[in-house]
PDB file of N, CA and C in Angstrom:
ATOM      1  N   MET A   1       1.020  -1.397  -0.401  1.00  0.00           N
ATOM      2  CA  MET A   1       0.016   0.170  -0.302  1.00  0.00           C
ATOM      3  C   MET A   1       0.805   1.115   0.230  1.00  0.00           C
ATOM      4  N   ASP A   2       0.298   2.205  -0.847  1.00  0.00           N
ATOM      5  CA  ASP A   2       1.328   3.232  -0.986  1.00  0.00           C
ATOM      6  C   ASP A   2       0.880   4.385   0.019  1.00  0.00           C
ATOM      7  N   ILE A   3       1.969   4.844   1.025  1.00  0.00           N
ATOM      8  CA  ILE A   3       1.886   5.699   2.081  1.00  0.00           C
ATOM      9  C   ILE A   3       1.786   7.042   1.709  1.00  0.00           C
ATOM     10  N   LYS A   4       2.541   7.536   0.682  1.00  0.00           N
ATOM     11  CA  LYS A   4       3.294   8.580   0.573  1.00  0.00           C
ATOM     12  C   LYS A   4       2.223   9.523  -0.095  1.00  0.00           C
ATOM     13  N   LYS A   5       0.716   9.211  -0.518  1.00  0.00           N
ATOM     14  CA  LYS A   5      -0.483  10.380  -0.463  1.00  0.00           C
ATOM     15  C   LYS A   5      -0.792  10.621   1.106  1.00  0.00           C
ATOM     16  N   TYR A   6      -0.850   9.498   1.542  1.00  0.00           N
ATOM     17  CA  TYR A   6      -1.554   9.821   3.323  1.00  0.00           C
ATOM     18  C   TYR A   6      -0.492  10.732   3.788  1.00  0.00           C
ATOM     19  N   GLU A   7       0.859  10.282   3.845  1.00  0.00           N
ATOM     20  CA  GLU A   7       1.945  11.040   4.376  1.00  0.00           C
ATOM     21  C   GLU A   7       1.599  12.595   3.904  1.00  0.00           C
ATOM     22  N   ALA A   8       1.625  13.114   2.475  1.00  0.00           N
ATOM     23  CA  ALA A   8       1.680  14.470   2.263  1.00  0.00           C
ATOM     24  C   ALA A   8       0.319  15.026   2.714  1.00  0.00           C
ATOM     25  N   MET A   9      -0.922  14.125   2.885  1.00  0.00           N
ATOM     26  CA  MET A   9      -2.254  14.787   3.525  1.00  0.00           C
ATOM     27  C   MET A   9      -1.749  15.568   4.655  1.00  0.00           C
ATOM     28  N   ALA A  10      -1.175  14.235   5.906  1.00  0.00           N
ATOM     29  CA  ALA A  10      -1.056  14.599   6.827  1.00  0.00           C
ATOM     30  C   ALA A  10       0.517  15.589   6.978  1.00  0.00           C
ATOM     31  N   LYS A  11       1.026  16.031   5.989  1.00  0.00           N
ATOM     32  CA  LYS A  11       1.910  16.889   5.878  1.00  0.00           C
ATOM     33  C   LYS A  11       2.981  15.997   7.094  1.00  0.00           C
ATOM     34  N   LEU A  12       3.323  14.828   6.518  1.00  0.00           N
ATOM     35  CA  LEU A  12       4.451  14.139   7.232  1.00  0.00           C
ATOM     36  C   LEU A  12       5.554  13.990   6.092  1.00  0.00           C
ATOM     37  N   ASP A  13       6.856  13.807   6.650  1.00  0.00           N
ATOM     38  CA  ASP A  13       7.793  13.488   6.522  1.00  0.00           C
ATOM     39  C   ASP A  13       8.636  12.081   7.230  1.00  0.00           C
ATOM     40  N   LEU A  14       8.096  11.049   7.032  1.00  0.00           N
ATOM     41  CA  LEU A  14       8.639  10.014   7.655  1.00  0.00           C
ATOM     42  C   LEU A  14       9.997   9.203   7.071  1.00  0.00           C
ATOM     43  N   PRO A  15      10.459   9.134   7.814  1.00  0.00           N
ATOM     44  CA  PRO A  15      11.983   7.904   7.514  1.00  0.00           C
ATOM     45  C   PRO A  15      11.115   6.506   6.492  1.00  0.00           C
ATOM     46  N   GLU A  16      12.112   6.046   5.471  1.00  0.00           N
ATOM     47  CA  GLU A  16      11.635   5.186   4.584  1.00  0.00           C
ATOM     48  C   GLU A  16      11.470   3.643   5.621  1.00  0.00           C
ATOM     49  N   THR A  17      12.369   3.740   6.496  1.00  0.00           N
ATOM     50  CA  THR A  17      11.771   2.316   7.610  1.00  0.00           C
ATOM     51  C   THR A  17      10.499   2.525   7.994  1.00  0.00           C
ATOM     52  N   GLU A  18       9.730   3.574   8.601  1.00  0.00           N
ATOM     53  CA  GLU A  18       8.518   4.059   8.917  1.00  0.00           C
ATOM     54  C   GLU A  18       7.296   3.513   8.040  1.00  0.00           C
ATOM     55  N   ARG A  19       7.980   4.398   6.780  1.00  0.00           N
ATOM     56  CA  ARG A  19       6.911   3.962   5.854  1.00  0.00           C
ATOM     57  C   ARG A  19       6.447   3.074   5.242  1.00  0.00           C
ATOM     58  N   LEU A  20       7.256   2.155   5.129  1.00  0.00           N
ATOM     59  CA  LEU A  20       7.453   0.552   5.163  1.00  0.00           C
ATOM     60  C   LEU A  20       6.558  -0.232   5.943  1.00  0.00           C
ATOM     61  N   SER A  21       6.917   0.531   7.272  1.00  0.00           N
ATOM     62  CA  SER A  21       6.187  -0.619   8.497  1.00  0.00           C
ATOM     63  C   SER A  21       4.818  -0.268   8.392  1.00  0.00           C
ATOM     64  N   LEU A  22       4.227   1.533   7.941  1.00  0.00           N
ATOM     65  CA  LEU A  22       3.016   1.704   7.898  1.00  0.00           C
ATOM     66  C   LEU A  22       2.328   0.908   6.864  1.00  0.00           C
ATOM     67  N   SER A  23       3.195   0.622   5.906  1.00  0.00           N
ATOM     68  CA  SER A  23       2.335   0.430   4.660  1.00  0.00           C
ATOM     69  C   SER A  23       2.416  -1.193   4.721  1.00  0.00           C
ATOM     70  N   GLU A  24       2.988  -2.132   5.530  1.00  0.00           N
ATOM     71  CA  GLU A  24       2.734  -3.381   5.790  1.00  0.00           C
ATOM     72  C   GLU A  24       1.112  -3.073   6.575  1.00  0.00           C
ATOM     73  N   ARG A  25       1.246  -2.102   7.817  1.00  0.00           N
ATOM     74  CA  ARG A  25       0.443  -2.607   8.677  1.00  0.00           C
ATOM     75  C   ARG A  25      -1.197  -2.183   8.045  1.00  0.00           C
ATOM     76  N   ALA A  26      -0.949  -1.354   7.041  1.00  0.00           N
ATOM     77  CA  ALA A  26      -1.756  -0.607   6.113  1.00  0.00           C
ATOM     78  C   ALA A  26      -2.476  -1.637   5.247  1.00  0.00           C
ATOM     79  N   ALA A  27      -1.537  -2.665   4.690  1.00  0.00           N
ATOM     80  CA  ALA A  27      -2.216  -3.687   4.171  1.00  0.00           C
ATOM     81  C   ALA A  27      -2.911  -4.593   4.619  1.00  0.00           C
ATOM     82  N   SER A  28      -2.407  -4.695   6.029  1.00  0.00           N
ATOM     83  CA  SER A  28      -2.761  -6.232   6.974  1.00  0.00           C
ATOM     84  C   SER A  28      -4.225  -5.470   6.954  1.00  0.00           C
ATOM     85  N   LEU A  29      -4.341  -4.851   7.487  1.00  0.00           N
ATOM     86  CA  LEU A  29      -5.707  -4.049   7.974  1.00  0.00           C
ATOM     87  C   LEU A  29      -6.608  -4.198   6.677  1.00  0.00           C
ATOM     88  N   VAL A  30      -6.142  -3.641   5.632  1.00  0.00           N
ATOM     89  CA  VAL A  30      -7.222  -3.932   4.036  1.00  0.00           C
ATOM     90  C   VAL A  30      -7.520  -5.206   4.194  1.00  0.00           C
ATOM     91  N   LYS A  31      -6.629  -6.076   4.148  1.00  0.00           N
ATOM     92  CA  LYS A  31      -6.657  -7.881   3.748  1.00  0.00           C
ATOM     93  C   LYS A  31      -7.698  -8.148   5.042  1.00  0.00           C
ATOM     94  N   GLU A  32      -7.761  -7.847   6.071  1.00  0.00           N
ATOM     95  CA  GLU A  32      -8.065  -8.458   7.324  1.00  0.00           C
ATOM     96  C   GLU A  32     -10.273  -7.563   7.049  1.00  0.00           C
ATOM     97  N   PHE A  33     -10.060  -6.826   6.759  1.00  0.00           N
ATOM     98  CA  PHE A  33     -11.485  -6.034   6.467  1.00  0.00           C
ATOM     99  C   PHE A  33     -12.066  -6.935   4.906  1.00  0.00           C
ATOM    100  N   SER A  34     -11.185  -7.026   3.993  1.00  0.00           N
ATOM    101  CA  SER A  34     -11.851  -7.259   2.753  1.00  0.00           C
ATOM    102  C   SER A  34     -12.984  -8.612   2.885  1.00  0.00           C
ATOM    103  N   VAL A  35     -12.492  -9.345   4.315  1.00  0.00           N
ATOM    104  CA  VAL A  35     -13.543 -10.312   4.729  1.00  0.00           C
ATOM    105  C   VAL A  35     -15.103  -9.948   4.150  1.00  0.00           C
ATOM    106  N   LEU A  36     -15.116  -8.655   5.074  1.00  0.00           N
ATOM    107  CA  LEU A  36     -16.567  -8.029   4.955  1.00  0.00           C
ATOM    108  C   LEU A  36     -17.075  -7.783   3.625  1.00  0.00           C
ATOM    109  N   GLU A  37     -16.701  -7.614   2.702  1.00  0.00           N
ATOM    110  CA  GLU A  37     -17.279  -7.704   1.301  1.00  0.00           C
ATOM    111  C   GLU A  37     -17.825  -8.588   0.724  1.00  0.00           C
ATOM    112  N   SER A  38     -17.448  -9.833   1.310  1.00  0.00           N
ATOM    113  CA  SER A  38     -18.405 -11.543   0.675  1.00  0.00           C
ATOM    114  C   SER A  38     -19.635 -11.341   1.707  1.00  0.00           C
ATOM    115  N   ILE A  39     -19.719 -10.591   2.673  1.00  0.00           N
ATOM    116  CA  ILE A  39     -20.697 -10.800   3.466  1.00  0.00           C
ATOM    117  C   ILE A  39     -22.225  -9.970   2.489  1.00  0.00           C
ATOM    118  N   ASP A  40     -23.453 -11.090   2.704  1.00  0.00           N
ATOM    119  CA  ASP A  40     -24.628 -10.152   1.880  1.00  0.00           C
ATOM    120  C   ASP A  40     -25.163  -9.392   2.559  1.00  0.00           C
ATOM    121  N   THR A  41     -25.474  -8.050   2.300  1.00  0.00           N
ATOM    122  CA  THR A  41     -26.284  -7.195   3.304  1.00  0.00           C
ATOM    123  C   THR A  41     -27.324  -6.966   2.133  1.00  0.00           C
ATOM    124  N   ASN A  42     -27.963  -7.194   1.548  1.00  0.00           N
ATOM    125  CA  ASN A  42     -28.727  -6.759   0.667  1.00  0.00           C
ATOM    126  C   ASN A  42     -30.387  -6.938   1.284  1.00  0.00           C
ATOM    127  N   ALA A  43     -30.488  -7.502   2.373  1.00  0.00           N
ATOM    128  CA  ALA A  43     -31.673  -8.005   3.102  1.00  0.00           C
ATOM    129  C   ALA A  43     -31.538  -7.241   4.558  1.00  0.00           C
ATOM    130  N   VAL A  44     -30.330  -6.313   4.743  1.00  0.00           N
ATOM    131  CA  VAL A  44     -30.666  -6.158   6.174  1.00  0.00           C
ATOM    132  C   VAL A  44     -30.825  -4.653   5.849  1.00  0.00           C
ATOM    133  N   GLU A  45     -31.577  -4.236   7.147  1.00  0.00           N
ATOM    134  CA  GLU A  45     -31.957  -2.985   7.391  1.00  0.00           C
ATOM    135  C   GLU A  45     -30.921  -2.092   8.101  1.00  0.00           C
ATOM    136  N   PRO A  46     -30.681  -0.927   7.455  1.00  0.00           N
ATOM    137  CA  PRO A  46     -29.781  -0.169   8.129  1.00  0.00           C
ATOM    138  C   PRO A  46     -29.986   0.745   9.285  1.00  0.00           C
ATOM    139  N   LEU A  47     -29.260   0.725  10.385  1.00  0.00           N
ATOM    140  CA  LEU A  47     -29.516   0.845  11.480  1.00  0.00           C
ATOM    141  C   LEU A  47     -28.616   2.133  12.092  1.00  0.00           C
ATOM    142  N   VAL A  48     -29.584   2.953  13.049  1.00  0.00           N
ATOM    143  CA  VAL A  48     -28.717   4.251  13.519  1.00  0.00           C
ATOM    144  C   VAL A  48     -27.668   3.664  14.683  1.00  0.00           C
ATOM    145  N   THR A  49     -28.275   2.663  15.644  1.00  0.00           N
ATOM    146  CA  THR A  49     -27.491   2.142  16.306  1.00  0.00           C
ATOM    147  C   THR A  49     -27.638   0.738  16.457  1.00  0.00           C
ATOM    148  N   VAL A  50     -26.774   0.232  17.170  1.00  0.00           N
ATOM    149  CA  VAL A  50     -26.569  -1.223  17.111  1.00  0.00           C
ATOM    150  C   VAL A  50     -27.119  -1.450  18.806  1.00  0.00           C
ATOM    151  N   LEU A  51     -27.403  -0.484  19.811  1.00  0.00           N
ATOM    152  CA  LEU A  51     -27.654  -0.939  20.957  1.00  0.00           C
ATOM    153  C   LEU A  51     -29.500  -0.940  20.912  1.00  0.00           C
ATOM    154  N   ASP A  52     -29.750  -1.776  21.520  1.00  0.00           N
ATOM    155  CA  ASP A  52     -31.131  -2.239  21.509  1.00  0.00           C
ATOM    156  C   ASP A  52     -31.908  -1.271  22.826  1.00  0.00           C
ATOM    157  N   ILE A  53     -32.330   0.229  22.501  1.00  0.00           N
ATOM    158  CA  ILE A  53     -32.942   1.288  23.184  1.00  0.00           C
ATOM    159  C   ILE A  53     -33.350   1.793  22.593  1.00  0.00           C
ATOM    160  N   GLN A  54     -34.425   2.360  23.522  1.00  0.00           N
ATOM    161  CA  GLN A  54     -35.687   3.638  22.806  1.00  0.00           C
ATOM    162  C   GLN A  54     -34.987   4.711  23.125  1.00  0.00           C
ATOM    163  N   SER A  55     -35.224   5.875  22.182  1.00  0.00           N
ATOM    164  CA  SER A  55     -35.117   6.808  22.680  1.00  0.00           C
ATOM    165  C   SER A  55     -35.946   7.549  23.877  1.00  0.00           C
ATOM    166  N   SER A  56     -35.135   8.233  24.971  1.00  0.00           N
ATOM    167  CA  SER A  56     -36.217   9.068  25.978  1.00  0.00           C
ATOM    168  C   SER A  56     -36.546  10.246  25.937  1.00  0.00           C
ATOM    169  N   LEU A  57     -36.168  10.777  24.851  1.00  0.00           N
ATOM    170  CA  LEU A  57     -36.650  11.952  24.467  1.00  0.00           C
ATOM    171  C   LEU A  57     -38.264  12.077  24.227  1.00  0.00           C
ATOM    172  N   ARG A  58     -38.899  13.319  24.060  1.00  0.00           N
ATOM    173  CA  ARG A  58     -40.250  13.224  23.654  1.00  0.00           C
ATOM    174  C   ARG A  58     -40.366  13.280  22.365  1.00  0.00           C
ATOM    175  N   ASP A  59     -41.797  13.140  21.800  1.00  0.00           N
ATOM    176  CA  ASP A  59     -41.709  13.453  20.565  1.00  0.00           C
ATOM    177  C   ASP A  59     -41.831  14.670  20.283  1.00  0.00           C
ATOM    178  N   ASP A  60     -41.341  15.263  18.886  1.00  0.00           N
ATOM    179  CA  ASP A  60     -41.635  16.607  18.786  1.00  0.00           C
ATOM    180  C   ASP A  60     -43.137  16.409  18.377  1.00  0.00           C
ATOM    181  N   LEU A  61     -43.298  17.771  18.970  1.00  0.00           N
ATOM    182  CA  LEU A  61     -44.955  18.239  18.437  1.00  0.00           C
ATOM    183  C   LEU A  61     -45.122  19.688  18.071  1.00  0.00           C
ATOM    184  N   VAL A  62     -45.511  19.953  16.676  1.00  0.00           N
ATOM    185  CA  VAL A  62     -45.545  21.499  16.140  1.00  0.00           C
ATOM    186  C   VAL A  62     -46.587  21.968  17.219  1.00  0.00           C
ATOM    187  N   ILE A  63     -46.628  23.307  17.774  1.00  0.00           N
ATOM    188  CA  ILE A  63     -47.927  23.962  18.112  1.00  0.00           C
ATOM    189  C   ILE A  63     -47.323  25.245  17.768  1.00  0.00           C
ATOM    190  N   LYS A  64     -48.323  26.329  17.261  1.00  0.00           N
ATOM    191  CA  LYS A  64     -48.201  27.356  16.970  1.00  0.00           C
ATOM    192  C   LYS A  64     -48.750  28.104  18.050  1.00  0.00           C
ATOM    193  N   THR A  65     -47.995  29.005  18.212  1.00  0.00           N
ATOM    194  CA  THR A  65     -47.927  29.810  19.617  1.00  0.00           C
ATOM    195  C   THR A  65     -48.212  31.398  19.236  1.00  0.00           C
ATOM    196  N   ILE A  66     -47.352  31.597  18.505  1.00  0.00           N
ATOM    197  CA  ILE A  66     -47.430  33.239  18.166  1.00  0.00           C
ATOM    198  C   ILE A  66     -47.678  33.176  16.326  1.00  0.00           C
ATOM    199  N   SER A  67     -48.463  34.031  16.056  1.00  0.00           N
ATOM    200  CA  SER A  67     -48.609  34.383  14.305  1.00  0.00           C
ATOM    201  C   SER A  67     -47.134  35.098  14.040  1.00  0.00           C
ATOM    202  N   ARG A  68     -46.618  35.322  12.621  1.00  0.00           N
ATOM    203  CA  ARG A  68     -46.175  35.961  12.189  1.00  0.00           C
ATOM    204  C   ARG A  68     -46.342  37.204  12.426  1.00  0.00           C
ATOM    205  N   GLU A  69     -47.767  37.991  11.914  1.00  0.00           N
ATOM    206  CA  GLU A  69     -48.120  39.064  11.875  1.00  0.00           C
ATOM    207  C   GLU A  69     -47.955  39.901  13.633  1.00  0.00           C
ATOM    208  N   GLU A  70     -48.006  39.033  14.788  1.00  0.00           N
ATOM    209  CA  GLU A  70     -47.726  39.484  16.036  1.00  0.00           C
ATOM    210  C   GLU A  70     -46.238  39.425  16.385  1.00  0.00           C
ATOM    211  N   LEU A  71     -45.600  38.693  15.724  1.00  0.00           N
ATOM    212  CA  LEU A  71     -44.217  38.683  16.062  1.00  0.00           C
ATOM    213  C   LEU A  71     -43.515  39.725  15.242  1.00  0.00           C
ATOM    214  N   LEU A  72     -43.894  40.296  14.249  1.00  0.00           N
ATOM    215  CA  LEU A  72     -43.804  41.352  13.557  1.00  0.00           C
ATOM    216  C   LEU A  72     -43.634  42.858  13.943  1.00  0.00           C
ATOM    217  N   SER A  73     -45.350  42.713  14.825  1.00  0.00           N
ATOM    218  CA  SER A  73     -45.714  43.741  15.321  1.00  0.00           C
ATOM    219  C   SER A  73     -45.011  44.870  15.691  1.00  0.00           C
ATOM    220  N   ASN A  74     -43.636  44.228  16.125  1.00  0.00           N
ATOM    221  CA  ASN A  74     -42.967  45.078  17.405  1.00  0.00           C
ATOM    222  C   ASN A  74     -41.717  45.499  16.911  1.00  0.00           C
ATOM    223  N   ALA A  75     -41.441  44.854  15.283  1.00  0.00           N
ATOM    224  CA  ALA A  75     -40.356  45.031  14.640  1.00  0.00           C
ATOM    225  C   ALA A  75     -40.064  46.722  14.366  1.00  0.00           C
ATOM    226  N   PRO A  76     -38.878  47.081  14.315  1.00  0.00           N
ATOM    227  CA  PRO A  76     -38.731  49.092  13.990  1.00  0.00           C
ATOM    228  C   PRO A  76     -38.943  48.716  12.732  1.00  0.00           C
ATOM    229  N   ASP A  77     -38.741  47.868  11.536  1.00  0.00           N
ATOM    230  CA  ASP A  77     -38.440  47.763  10.399  1.00  0.00           C
ATOM    231  C   ASP A  77     -38.820  46.108   9.915  1.00  0.00           C
ATOM    232  N   GLN A  78     -39.754  45.909   9.127  1.00  0.00           N
ATOM    233  CA  GLN A  78     -39.947  44.685   7.991  1.00  0.00           C
ATOM    234  C   GLN A  78     -40.355  44.926   6.789  1.00  0.00           C
ATOM    235  N   HIS A  79     -40.440  43.819   5.965  1.00  0.00           N
ATOM    236  CA  HIS A  79     -40.543  43.459   4.707  1.00  0.00           C
ATOM    237  C   HIS A  79     -41.190  42.473   4.211  1.00  0.00           C
ATOM    238  N   ASP A  80     -41.871  42.130   3.294  1.00  0.00           N
ATOM    239  CA  ASP A  80     -42.457  40.742   3.295  1.00  0.00           C
ATOM    240  C   ASP A  80     -42.817  39.824   4.374  1.00  0.00           C
ATOM    241  N   GLY A  81     -43.149  40.521   5.106  1.00  0.00           N
ATOM    242  CA  GLY A  81     -42.839  39.559   6.500  1.00  0.00           C
ATOM    243  C   GLY A  81     -42.146  39.012   6.985  1.00  0.00           C
ATOM    244  N   PHE A  82     -40.597  39.557   7.352  1.00  0.00           N
ATOM    245  CA  PHE A  82     -39.310  39.581   7.433  1.00  0.00           C
ATOM    246  C   PHE A  82     -38.557  40.938   8.199  1.00  0.00           C
ATOM    247  N   PHE A  83     -37.985  40.339   9.156  1.00  0.00           N
ATOM    248  CA  PHE A  83     -37.371  41.694  10.097  1.00  0.00           C
ATOM    249  C   PHE A  83     -36.144  42.010   8.570  1.00  0.00           C
ATOM    250  N   ARG A  84     -36.277  43.414   8.707  1.00  0.00           N
ATOM    251  CA  ARG A  84     -35.419  44.158   8.512  1.00  0.00           C
ATOM    252  C   ARG A  84     -34.592  45.092   8.987  1.00  0.00           C
ATOM    253  N   ILE A  85     -32.891  44.643   9.383  1.00  0.00           N
ATOM    254  CA  ILE A  85     -32.111  45.631   9.818  1.00  0.00           C
ATOM    255  C   ILE A  85     -30.991  45.827   8.754  1.00  0.00           C
ATOM    256  N   PRO A  86     -30.005  46.811   9.041  1.00  0.00           N
ATOM    257  CA  PRO A  86     -29.271  47.505   8.617  1.00  0.00           C
ATOM    258  C   PRO A  86     -27.615  46.499   8.159  1.00  0.00           C
ATOM    259  N   LYS A  87     -27.500  46.805   6.859  1.00  0.00           N
ATOM    260  CA  LYS A  87     -26.751  45.762   6.529  1.00  0.00           C
ATOM    261  C   LYS A  87     -24.961  45.896   7.677  1.00  0.00           C
ATOM    262  N   ALA A  88     -24.704  44.652   7.494  1.00  0.00           N
ATOM    263  CA  ALA A  88     -23.452  44.862   8.631  1.00  0.00           C
ATOM    264  C   ALA A  88     -21.826  44.621   7.758  1.00  0.00           C
ATOM    265  N   LEU A  89     -21.520  45.449   7.452  1.00  0.00           N
ATOM    266  CA  LEU A  89     -20.154  45.032   6.600  1.00  0.00           C
ATOM    267  C   LEU A  89     -19.139  44.727   7.525  1.00  0.00           C
ATOM    268  N   VAL A  90     -18.457  43.578   7.216  1.00  0.00           N
ATOM    269  CA  VAL A  90     -16.948  43.030   8.041  1.00  0.00           C
ATOM    270  C   VAL A  90     -16.296  43.439   7.605  1.00  0.00           C
TER     271      VAL A  90
END
């Protein structure tokens, strides 16, 4: 496995011995994980989590509390139902 591309991305300058060592370890990892490619996952539903837990959060409920007109009634300046503010230059 060619480590030079990753070495350049990480802005490293590794000695050749370490480059060879990392290359061998990376190739070994790729070989180990290649076994996963042979597993047929077409009928498996994607998971968000592997843990068997339910969300302890409440469901989101949409509740209209104030109308747009009420909200904008105290705005110093508005246009087409939106607040109008002075331009800010950075």
